[in-house]
PDB file of all heavy atoms in Angstrom:
ATOM      1  N   HIS A   1      64.336 106.397 168.596  1.00  0.00           N
ATOM      2  CA  HIS A   1      63.949 107.794 168.264  1.00  0.00           C
ATOM      3  C   HIS A   1      62.728 108.189 169.017  1.00  0.00           C
ATOM      4  O   HIS A   1      61.991 107.362 169.574  1.00  0.00           O
ATOM      5  CB  HIS A   1      63.754 107.903 166.788  1.00  0.00           C
ATOM      6  CG  HIS A   1      64.997 107.647 165.945  1.00  0.00           C
ATOM      7  ND1 HIS A   1      65.878 108.606 165.717  1.00  0.00           N
ATOM      8  CD2 HIS A   1      65.480 106.509 165.427  1.00  0.00           C
ATOM      9  CE1 HIS A   1      66.900 108.120 165.013  1.00  0.00           C
ATOM     10  NE2 HIS A   1      66.694 106.799 164.829  1.00  0.00           N
ATOM     11  N   HIS A   2      62.521 109.486 169.087  1.00  0.00           N
ATOM     12  CA  HIS A   2      61.304 110.093 169.674  1.00  0.00           C
ATOM     13  C   HIS A   2      61.173 109.754 171.156  1.00  0.00           C
ATOM     14  O   HIS A   2      60.119 109.400 171.675  1.00  0.00           O
ATOM     15  CB  HIS A   2      60.050 109.738 168.916  1.00  0.00           C
ATOM     16  CG  HIS A   2      60.165 109.896 167.392  1.00  0.00           C
ATOM     17  ND1 HIS A   2      60.310 111.155 166.854  1.00  0.00           N
ATOM     18  CD2 HIS A   2      60.211 109.001 166.404  1.00  0.00           C
ATOM     19  CE1 HIS A   2      60.344 111.050 165.540  1.00  0.00           C
ATOM     20  NE2 HIS A   2      60.301 109.803 165.248  1.00  0.00           N
ATOM     21  N   LEU A   3      62.267 109.815 171.920  1.00  0.00           N
ATOM     22  CA  LEU A   3      62.282 109.521 173.310  1.00  0.00           C
ATOM     23  C   LEU A   3      62.273 110.694 174.234  1.00  0.00           C
ATOM     24  O   LEU A   3      62.212 110.586 175.382  1.00  0.00           O
ATOM     25  CB  LEU A   3      63.489 108.610 173.646  1.00  0.00           C
ATOM     26  CG  LEU A   3      63.463 107.193 173.244  1.00  0.00           C
ATOM     27  CD1 LEU A   3      64.737 106.500 173.619  1.00  0.00           C
ATOM     28  CD2 LEU A   3      62.223 106.422 173.773  1.00  0.00           C
ATOM     29  N   ALA A   4      62.296 111.916 173.681  1.00  0.00           N
ATOM     30  CA  ALA A   4      62.437 113.088 174.472  1.00  0.00           C
ATOM     31  C   ALA A   4      61.309 113.127 175.631  1.00  0.00           C
ATOM     32  O   ALA A   4      61.575 113.382 176.728  1.00  0.00           O
ATOM     33  CB  ALA A   4      62.377 114.317 173.726  1.00  0.00           C
ATOM     34  N   GLU A   5      60.087 112.965 175.166  1.00  0.00           N
ATOM     35  CA  GLU A   5      58.916 113.005 176.153  1.00  0.00           C
ATOM     36  C   GLU A   5      59.017 111.900 177.173  1.00  0.00           C
ATOM     37  O   GLU A   5      58.928 112.147 178.352  1.00  0.00           O
ATOM     38  CB  GLU A   5      57.627 112.971 175.375  1.00  0.00           C
ATOM     39  CG  GLU A   5      56.441 113.429 176.218  1.00  0.00           C
ATOM     40  CD  GLU A   5      56.529 114.968 176.541  1.00  0.00           C
ATOM     41  OE1 GLU A   5      57.012 115.775 175.784  1.00  0.00           O
ATOM     42  OE2 GLU A   5      56.171 115.248 177.713  1.00  0.00           O
ATOM     43  N   PRO A   6      59.199 110.630 176.742  1.00  0.00           N
ATOM     44  CA  PRO A   6      59.411 109.522 177.724  1.00  0.00           C
ATOM     45  C   PRO A   6      60.570 109.773 178.663  1.00  0.00           C
ATOM     46  O   PRO A   6      60.445 109.473 179.874  1.00  0.00           O
ATOM     47  CB  PRO A   6      59.508 108.270 176.916  1.00  0.00           C
ATOM     48  CG  PRO A   6      58.978 108.564 175.570  1.00  0.00           C
ATOM     49  CD  PRO A   6      59.166 110.048 175.375  1.00  0.00           C
ATOM     50  N   ILE A   7      61.676 110.289 178.170  1.00  0.00           N
ATOM     51  CA  ILE A   7      62.819 110.548 178.988  1.00  0.00           C
ATOM     52  C   ILE A   7      62.478 111.604 180.036  1.00  0.00           C
ATOM     53  O   ILE A   7      62.738 111.488 181.229  1.00  0.00           O
ATOM     54  CB  ILE A   7      64.027 111.033 178.137  1.00  0.00           C
ATOM     55  CG1 ILE A   7      64.635 109.810 177.375  1.00  0.00           C
ATOM     56  CG2 ILE A   7      65.134 111.641 179.002  1.00  0.00           C
ATOM     57  CD1 ILE A   7      65.692 110.199 176.325  1.00  0.00           C
ATOM     58  N   LEU A   8      61.823 112.708 179.585  1.00  0.00           N
ATOM     59  CA  LEU A   8      61.403 113.789 180.413  1.00  0.00           C
ATOM     60  C   LEU A   8      60.473 113.304 181.562  1.00  0.00           C
ATOM     61  O   LEU A   8      60.595 113.532 182.751  1.00  0.00           O
ATOM     62  CB  LEU A   8      60.783 114.872 179.688  1.00  0.00           C
ATOM     63  CG  LEU A   8      60.330 116.172 180.459  1.00  0.00           C
ATOM     64  CD1 LEU A   8      61.549 116.771 181.121  1.00  0.00           C
ATOM     65  CD2 LEU A   8      59.666 117.137 179.488  1.00  0.00           C
ATOM     66  N   ASP A   9      59.495 112.455 181.155  1.00  0.00           N
ATOM     67  CA  ASP A   9      58.555 111.872 182.130  1.00  0.00           C
ATOM     68  C   ASP A   9      59.279 111.041 183.205  1.00  0.00           C
ATOM     69  O   ASP A   9      58.984 111.120 184.360  1.00  0.00           O
ATOM     70  CB  ASP A   9      57.493 110.986 181.464  1.00  0.00           C
ATOM     71  CG  ASP A   9      56.566 111.787 180.559  1.00  0.00           C
ATOM     72  OD1 ASP A   9      56.458 113.064 180.753  1.00  0.00           O
ATOM     73  OD2 ASP A   9      55.906 111.206 179.708  1.00  0.00           O
ATOM     74  N   GLU A  10      60.253 110.253 182.824  1.00  0.00           N
ATOM     75  CA  GLU A  10      60.960 109.336 183.703  1.00  0.00           C
ATOM     76  C   GLU A  10      61.827 110.142 184.635  1.00  0.00           C
ATOM     77  O   GLU A  10      61.929 109.942 185.884  1.00  0.00           O
ATOM     78  CB  GLU A  10      61.833 108.337 182.991  1.00  0.00           C
ATOM     79  CG  GLU A  10      62.510 107.303 183.850  1.00  0.00           C
ATOM     80  CD  GLU A  10      61.563 106.471 184.696  1.00  0.00           C
ATOM     81  OE1 GLU A  10      60.404 106.174 184.239  1.00  0.00           O
ATOM     82  OE2 GLU A  10      61.980 106.008 185.740  1.00  0.00           O
ATOM     83  N   LEU A  11      62.517 111.207 184.105  1.00  0.00           N
ATOM     84  CA  LEU A  11      63.353 112.002 184.940  1.00  0.00           C
ATOM     85  C   LEU A  11      62.567 112.851 185.955  1.00  0.00           C
ATOM     86  O   LEU A  11      63.034 112.974 187.105  1.00  0.00           O
ATOM     87  CB  LEU A  11      64.182 113.045 184.040  1.00  0.00           C
ATOM     88  CG  LEU A  11      65.138 112.428 183.101  1.00  0.00           C
ATOM     89  CD1 LEU A  11      65.754 113.462 182.181  1.00  0.00           C
ATOM     90  CD2 LEU A  11      66.308 111.680 183.967  1.00  0.00           C
ATOM     91  N   LYS A  12      61.386 113.251 185.593  1.00  0.00           N
ATOM     92  CA  LYS A  12      60.585 114.014 186.526  1.00  0.00           C
ATOM     93  C   LYS A  12      60.160 113.226 187.779  1.00  0.00           C
ATOM     94  O   LYS A  12      59.981 113.785 188.844  1.00  0.00           O
ATOM     95  CB  LYS A  12      59.224 114.521 185.829  1.00  0.00           C
ATOM     96  CG  LYS A  12      59.473 115.664 184.967  1.00  0.00           C
ATOM     97  CD  LYS A  12      58.144 116.106 184.308  1.00  0.00           C
ATOM     98  CE  LYS A  12      58.329 117.290 183.474  1.00  0.00           C
ATOM     99  NZ  LYS A  12      57.032 117.659 182.779  1.00  0.00           N
ATOM    100  N   LYS A  13      60.149 111.874 187.635  1.00  0.00           N
ATOM    101  CA  LYS A  13      59.801 111.072 188.817  1.00  0.00           C
ATOM    102  C   LYS A  13      60.936 111.122 189.851  1.00  0.00           C
ATOM    103  O   LYS A  13      60.754 110.748 191.000  1.00  0.00           O
ATOM    104  CB  LYS A  13      59.707 109.595 188.344  1.00  0.00           C
ATOM    105  CG  LYS A  13      58.551 109.340 187.431  1.00  0.00           C
ATOM    106  CD  LYS A  13      58.563 107.819 186.983  1.00  0.00           C
ATOM    107  CE  LYS A  13      57.517 107.524 185.952  1.00  0.00           C
ATOM    108  NZ  LYS A  13      57.610 106.187 185.459  1.00  0.00           N
ATOM    109  N   HIS A  14      62.148 111.525 189.498  1.00  0.00           N
ATOM    110  CA  HIS A  14      63.281 111.501 190.362  1.00  0.00           C
ATOM    111  C   HIS A  14      63.749 112.935 190.767  1.00  0.00           C
ATOM    112  O   HIS A  14      64.779 113.080 191.360  1.00  0.00           O
ATOM    113  CB  HIS A  14      64.417 110.798 189.664  1.00  0.00           C
ATOM    114  CG  HIS A  14      64.073 109.411 189.301  1.00  0.00           C
ATOM    115  ND1 HIS A  14      64.169 108.338 190.191  1.00  0.00           N
ATOM    116  CD2 HIS A  14      63.728 108.827 188.157  1.00  0.00           C
ATOM    117  CE1 HIS A  14      63.792 107.236 189.552  1.00  0.00           C
ATOM    118  NE2 HIS A  14      63.546 107.567 188.326  1.00  0.00           N
ATOM    119  N   LEU A  15      62.883 113.968 190.411  1.00  0.00           N
ATOM    120  CA  LEU A  15      63.296 115.282 190.692  1.00  0.00           C
ATOM    121  C   LEU A  15      62.471 115.873 191.824  1.00  0.00           C
ATOM    122  O   LEU A  15      61.304 115.433 192.038  1.00  0.00           O
ATOM    123  CB  LEU A  15      63.097 116.172 189.472  1.00  0.00           C
ATOM    124  CG  LEU A  15      64.046 115.942 188.282  1.00  0.00           C
ATOM    125  CD1 LEU A  15      63.597 116.733 187.091  1.00  0.00           C
ATOM    126  CD2 LEU A  15      65.443 116.252 188.628  1.00  0.00           C
ATOM    127  N   GLY A  16      63.051 116.800 192.532  1.00  0.00           N
ATOM    128  CA  GLY A  16      62.333 117.508 193.610  1.00  0.00           C
ATOM    129  C   GLY A  16      61.368 118.575 193.071  1.00  0.00           C
ATOM    130  O   GLY A  16      61.378 118.838 191.850  1.00  0.00           O
ATOM    131  N   GLU A  17      60.555 119.137 193.881  1.00  0.00           N
ATOM    132  CA  GLU A  17      59.512 120.111 193.490  1.00  0.00           C
ATOM    133  C   GLU A  17      60.184 121.290 192.811  1.00  0.00           C
ATOM    134  O   GLU A  17      59.577 121.822 191.846  1.00  0.00           O
ATOM    135  CB  GLU A  17      58.806 120.537 194.749  1.00  0.00           C
ATOM    136  CG  GLU A  17      57.303 120.576 194.570  1.00  0.00           C
ATOM    137  CD  GLU A  17      56.563 120.915 195.832  1.00  0.00           C
ATOM    138  OE1 GLU A  17      56.582 122.138 196.178  1.00  0.00           O
ATOM    139  OE2 GLU A  17      56.067 119.995 196.553  1.00  0.00           O
ATOM    140  N   LYS A  18      61.295 121.792 193.255  1.00  0.00           N
ATOM    141  CA  LYS A  18      61.923 122.965 192.701  1.00  0.00           C
ATOM    142  C   LYS A  18      62.953 122.667 191.644  1.00  0.00           C
ATOM    143  O   LYS A  18      63.536 123.634 191.064  1.00  0.00           O
ATOM    144  CB  LYS A  18      62.567 123.822 193.845  1.00  0.00           C
ATOM    145  CG  LYS A  18      61.443 124.349 194.718  1.00  0.00           C
ATOM    146  CD  LYS A  18      62.111 125.241 195.833  1.00  0.00           C
ATOM    147  CE  LYS A  18      61.051 125.749 196.719  1.00  0.00           C
ATOM    148  NZ  LYS A  18      61.601 126.689 197.767  1.00  0.00           N
ATOM    149  N   ASP A  19      63.186 121.458 191.374  1.00  0.00           N
ATOM    150  CA  ASP A  19      64.191 121.055 190.320  1.00  0.00           C
ATOM    151  C   ASP A  19      63.557 121.216 188.915  1.00  0.00           C
ATOM    152  O   ASP A  19      62.373 121.046 188.822  1.00  0.00           O
ATOM    153  CB  ASP A  19      64.593 119.621 190.508  1.00  0.00           C
ATOM    154  CG  ASP A  19      65.260 119.361 191.812  1.00  0.00           C
ATOM    155  OD1 ASP A  19      65.763 120.289 192.411  1.00  0.00           O
ATOM    156  OD2 ASP A  19      65.373 118.205 192.259  1.00  0.00           O
ATOM    157  N   ARG A  20      64.407 121.560 187.997  1.00  0.00           N
ATOM    158  CA  ARG A  20      63.995 121.719 186.612  1.00  0.00           C
ATOM    159  C   ARG A  20      64.876 120.854 185.693  1.00  0.00           C
ATOM    160  O   ARG A  20      66.060 120.720 185.989  1.00  0.00           O
ATOM    161  CB  ARG A  20      64.004 123.186 186.169  1.00  0.00           C
ATOM    162  CG  ARG A  20      63.053 124.014 186.942  1.00  0.00           C
ATOM    163  CD  ARG A  20      62.960 125.458 186.522  1.00  0.00           C
ATOM    164  NE  ARG A  20      64.320 126.016 186.658  1.00  0.00           N
ATOM    165  CZ  ARG A  20      64.612 127.233 186.259  1.00  0.00           C
ATOM    166  NH1 ARG A  20      63.716 128.006 185.725  1.00  0.00           N
ATOM    167  NH2 ARG A  20      65.846 127.681 186.508  1.00  0.00           N
ATOM    168  N   VAL A  21      64.278 120.391 184.640  1.00  0.00           N
ATOM    169  CA  VAL A  21      65.107 119.659 183.631  1.00  0.00           C
ATOM    170  C   VAL A  21      64.602 120.029 182.194  1.00  0.00           C
ATOM    171  O   VAL A  21      63.454 120.332 181.991  1.00  0.00           O
ATOM    172  CB  VAL A  21      64.951 118.116 183.888  1.00  0.00           C
ATOM    173  CG1 VAL A  21      63.449 117.655 183.631  1.00  0.00           C
ATOM    174  CG2 VAL A  21      65.815 117.312 182.914  1.00  0.00           C
ATOM    175  N   VAL A  22      65.545 119.958 181.308  1.00  0.00           N
ATOM    176  CA  VAL A  22      65.282 120.287 179.951  1.00  0.00           C
ATOM    177  C   VAL A  22      65.887 119.078 179.142  1.00  0.00           C
ATOM    178  O   VAL A  22      67.024 118.657 179.376  1.00  0.00           O
ATOM    179  CB  VAL A  22      65.903 121.571 179.446  1.00  0.00           C
ATOM    180  CG1 VAL A  22      65.722 121.750 177.837  1.00  0.00           C
ATOM    181  CG2 VAL A  22      65.401 122.781 180.177  1.00  0.00           C
ATOM    182  N   VAL A  23      65.121 118.527 178.217  1.00  0.00           N
ATOM    183  CA  VAL A  23      65.575 117.418 177.357  1.00  0.00           C
ATOM    184  C   VAL A  23      65.465 117.920 175.952  1.00  0.00           C
ATOM    185  O   VAL A  23      64.385 118.335 175.457  1.00  0.00           O
ATOM    186  CB  VAL A  23      64.643 116.126 177.507  1.00  0.00           C
ATOM    187  CG1 VAL A  23      65.154 115.070 176.578  1.00  0.00           C
ATOM    188  CG2 VAL A  23      64.723 115.689 179.044  1.00  0.00           C
ATOM    189  N   VAL A  24      66.580 117.865 175.240  1.00  0.00           N
ATOM    190  CA  VAL A  24      66.606 118.343 173.849  1.00  0.00           C
ATOM    191  C   VAL A  24      67.072 117.187 172.998  1.00  0.00           C
ATOM    192  O   VAL A  24      68.134 116.568 173.258  1.00  0.00           O
ATOM    193  CB  VAL A  24      67.587 119.562 173.676  1.00  0.00           C
ATOM    194  CG1 VAL A  24      67.648 119.936 172.209  1.00  0.00           C
ATOM    195  CG2 VAL A  24      67.191 120.642 174.564  1.00  0.00           C
ATOM    196  N   GLN A  25      66.297 116.886 171.936  1.00  0.00           N
ATOM    197  CA  GLN A  25      66.688 115.893 170.938  1.00  0.00           C
ATOM    198  C   GLN A  25      67.359 116.612 169.785  1.00  0.00           C
ATOM    199  O   GLN A  25      66.824 117.556 169.256  1.00  0.00           O
ATOM    200  CB  GLN A  25      65.442 115.120 170.430  1.00  0.00           C
ATOM    201  CG  GLN A  25      65.885 114.011 169.443  1.00  0.00           C
ATOM    202  CD  GLN A  25      64.721 113.182 169.074  1.00  0.00           C
ATOM    203  OE1 GLN A  25      63.619 113.317 169.515  1.00  0.00           O
ATOM    204  NE2 GLN A  25      64.947 112.281 168.069  1.00  0.00           N
ATOM    205  N   CYS A  26      68.524 116.121 169.409  1.00  0.00           N
ATOM    206  CA  CYS A  26      69.261 116.735 168.274  1.00  0.00           C
ATOM    207  C   CYS A  26      69.394 115.727 167.175  1.00  0.00           C
ATOM    208  O   CYS A  26      69.655 114.492 167.383  1.00  0.00           O
ATOM    209  CB  CYS A  26      70.710 117.120 168.729  1.00  0.00           C
ATOM    210  SG  CYS A  26      70.735 118.102 170.180  1.00  0.00           S
ATOM    211  N   ASN A  27      69.219 116.227 165.978  1.00  0.00           N
ATOM    212  CA  ASN A  27      69.384 115.316 164.784  1.00  0.00           C
ATOM    213  C   ASN A  27      70.884 115.066 164.575  1.00  0.00           C
ATOM    214  O   ASN A  27      71.292 113.901 164.181  1.00  0.00           O
ATOM    215  CB  ASN A  27      68.777 115.934 163.535  1.00  0.00           C
ATOM    216  CG  ASN A  27      67.287 115.918 163.649  1.00  0.00           C
ATOM    217  OD1 ASN A  27      66.678 115.122 164.333  1.00  0.00           O
ATOM    218  ND2 ASN A  27      66.683 116.950 163.030  1.00  0.00           N
ATOM    219  N   THR A  28      71.696 116.022 164.656  1.00  0.00           N
ATOM    220  CA  THR A  28      73.126 115.859 164.514  1.00  0.00           C
ATOM    221  C   THR A  28      73.800 116.552 165.653  1.00  0.00           C
ATOM    222  O   THR A  28      73.382 117.567 166.166  1.00  0.00           O
ATOM    223  CB  THR A  28      73.651 116.482 163.147  1.00  0.00           C
ATOM    224  OG1 THR A  28      73.295 117.902 163.133  1.00  0.00           O
ATOM    225  CG2 THR A  28      73.040 115.729 161.954  1.00  0.00           C
ATOM    226  N   LEU A  29      74.986 115.963 165.985  1.00  0.00           N
ATOM    227  CA  LEU A  29      75.767 116.522 167.073  1.00  0.00           C
ATOM    228  C   LEU A  29      77.156 116.232 166.812  1.00  0.00           C
ATOM    229  O   LEU A  29      77.557 115.075 166.573  1.00  0.00           O
ATOM    230  CB  LEU A  29      75.256 115.979 168.412  1.00  0.00           C
ATOM    231  CG  LEU A  29      75.879 116.547 169.697  1.00  0.00           C
ATOM    232  CD1 LEU A  29      75.347 117.937 169.933  1.00  0.00           C
ATOM    233  CD2 LEU A  29      75.410 115.614 170.861  1.00  0.00           C
TER     234      LEU A  29
END
């Protein structure tokens, strides 16, 4: 649980300057 921020941080390492990413944590899906 509570991985949204660490996931976002890791993904940003692999993105270009103009790339954007959104990470959403859902309780139920």
